[in-house]
Protein backbone atom coordinates (compact mmCIF):
# COMPACT_ATOMS: atom_id res chain seq x y z
CA MET A 1 178.43 168.68 230.68
CA SER A 2 175.54 166.76 229.24
CA ASN A 3 175.14 163.01 229.46
CA ILE A 4 176.70 161.50 226.31
CA PRO A 5 176.48 157.68 226.24
CA ALA A 6 179.49 156.07 224.57
CA ASP A 7 177.46 153.35 222.80
CA LEU A 8 175.55 155.78 220.56
CA ARG A 9 176.40 157.75 217.42
CA TYR A 10 175.52 161.45 217.12
CA ALA A 11 174.53 163.94 214.43
CA LYS A 12 175.79 167.52 214.60
CA SER A 13 172.10 168.52 214.72
CA HIS A 14 171.90 166.83 218.18
CA GLU A 15 170.08 163.61 217.33
CA TRP A 16 171.44 160.28 218.56
CA VAL A 17 171.18 156.87 216.95
CA LYS A 18 171.63 153.38 218.33
CA ILE A 19 172.25 150.70 215.73
CA GLU A 20 171.16 147.14 216.53
CA GLY A 21 171.42 144.86 213.53
CA GLY A 22 169.44 146.49 210.72
CA THR A 23 167.44 148.73 213.08
CA ALA A 24 168.28 152.26 214.17
CA THR A 25 166.65 153.83 217.23
CA VAL A 26 166.68 157.64 217.07
CA GLY A 27 166.17 160.39 219.63
CA ILE A 28 167.49 163.77 220.71
CA THR A 29 170.49 164.24 222.94
CA ASP A 30 170.54 165.36 226.54
CA TYR A 31 172.26 168.54 225.35
CA ALA A 32 169.40 169.25 222.91
CA GLN A 33 166.64 168.75 225.48
CA ALA A 34 168.49 170.89 228.04
CA SER A 35 168.97 173.67 225.47
CA LEU A 36 165.27 173.60 224.56
CA GLY A 37 164.02 173.71 228.14
CA ASP A 38 160.63 172.29 229.11
CA ILE A 39 159.37 170.33 226.10
CA THR A 40 155.65 170.81 225.49
CA PHE A 41 154.97 169.09 222.13
CA VAL A 42 156.52 166.45 219.87
CA GLN A 43 155.49 165.73 216.26
CA LEU A 44 156.77 162.48 214.78
CA PRO A 45 156.35 160.85 211.35
CA LYS A 46 153.96 158.03 210.60
CA VAL A 47 155.06 154.41 210.56
CA GLY A 48 156.00 153.58 206.98
CA ALA A 49 157.53 156.99 206.22
CA VAL A 50 160.74 156.72 204.19
CA LEU A 51 163.50 159.06 205.36
CA LYS A 52 166.86 159.96 203.87
CA ALA A 53 169.71 161.08 206.14
CA GLY A 54 169.27 164.81 206.74
CA ASP A 55 165.50 164.82 206.08
CA THR A 56 163.28 166.59 208.60
CA PHE A 57 161.24 163.93 210.39
CA GLY A 58 159.42 165.97 213.01
CA VAL A 59 159.35 168.90 215.41
CA VAL A 60 159.99 169.41 219.10
CA GLU A 61 158.43 172.46 220.77
CA SER A 62 159.35 173.87 224.14
CA VAL A 63 158.58 176.93 226.21
CA LYS A 64 161.67 178.52 224.56
CA ALA A 65 161.51 177.49 220.90
CA ALA A 66 160.49 175.02 218.22
CA SER A 67 163.16 172.88 216.60
CA ASP A 68 163.09 170.60 213.57
CA LEU A 69 164.28 167.02 213.97
CA TYR A 70 166.59 165.52 211.34
CA ALA A 71 167.09 161.88 210.41
CA PRO A 72 170.70 160.92 211.18
CA VAL A 73 170.47 157.88 208.86
CA SER A 74 168.24 156.69 206.01
CA GLY A 75 165.49 154.13 206.40
CA THR A 76 161.81 153.31 206.78
CA VAL A 77 160.04 154.17 210.02
CA THR A 78 158.97 150.93 211.70
CA ALA A 79 157.87 152.35 215.09
CA ILE A 80 157.32 155.65 216.87
CA ASN A 81 157.26 156.34 220.58
CA GLY A 82 153.57 157.13 221.02
CA ALA A 83 154.10 157.92 224.71
CA LEU A 84 155.70 161.24 223.67
CA GLU A 85 152.40 162.50 222.20
CA GLY A 86 150.71 162.57 225.60
CA LYS A 87 153.80 163.15 227.72
CA PRO A 88 156.43 165.11 225.75
CA GLU A 89 158.17 165.94 229.03
CA ILE A 90 159.59 162.39 228.94
CA LEU A 91 162.30 163.89 226.72
CA ASN A 92 163.38 166.20 229.55
CA GLN A 93 163.45 163.33 232.04
CA ASP A 94 165.11 160.58 229.98
CA SER A 95 166.09 161.49 226.42
CA TYR A 96 168.11 158.31 225.83
CA THR A 97 165.86 155.44 226.91
CA ALA A 98 162.20 156.26 227.63
CA GLY A 99 162.48 159.28 225.30
CA TRP A 100 163.45 157.46 222.11
CA MET A 101 161.51 158.89 219.16
CA LEU A 102 161.48 156.41 216.30
CA LYS A 103 162.91 153.19 214.95
CA LEU A 104 164.09 152.82 211.38
CA ASN A 105 164.78 149.81 209.20
CA LEU A 106 168.13 150.97 207.81
CA SER A 107 168.42 151.34 204.05
CA GLN A 108 172.03 152.63 204.07
CA PRO A 109 173.75 151.08 207.14
CA ALA A 110 177.14 152.56 206.21
CA GLU A 111 175.80 156.09 206.88
CA ALA A 112 176.14 155.48 210.63
CA GLY A 113 179.91 155.50 210.17
CA ALA A 114 179.78 159.16 209.18
CA LEU A 115 178.14 160.14 212.49
CA LEU A 116 180.09 161.37 215.49
CA ASP A 117 181.20 159.12 218.32
CA ALA A 118 180.67 160.31 221.91
CA ALA A 119 184.08 162.02 222.20
CA ALA A 120 183.65 163.94 218.94
CA TYR A 121 180.08 164.91 219.81
CA GLU A 122 181.15 166.20 223.21
CA LYS A 123 183.51 168.64 221.46
CA THR A 124 180.65 170.01 219.34
CA ALA A 125 178.07 170.16 222.17
CA ILE A 126 179.86 172.71 224.34
């Protein structure tokens, strides 16, 4: 089974979110990166982009497929992980820490409550 940290919340579309105060850090799950295979390209939004939960915020491409990325919560992009542009394979090596994708200033903090906890996500990611 994939690595599923208990301190994160998860979207059914395989993005994770870590809430710290009014900031959400977003990335893709270990299950998602393993399903994609060797990741070759990552497209992320620009800082300042305003996202609503469910909006497409980027694309991940691998040797197998391309997959859209969806915002698990609403907010304004305050930072992106620029390291992924030159080294997208970071996602395959460490999707939860070094492979974070973006940080959002939350506009609807309560939305995080609708996301899956680790146990519920594990049931969907089989």
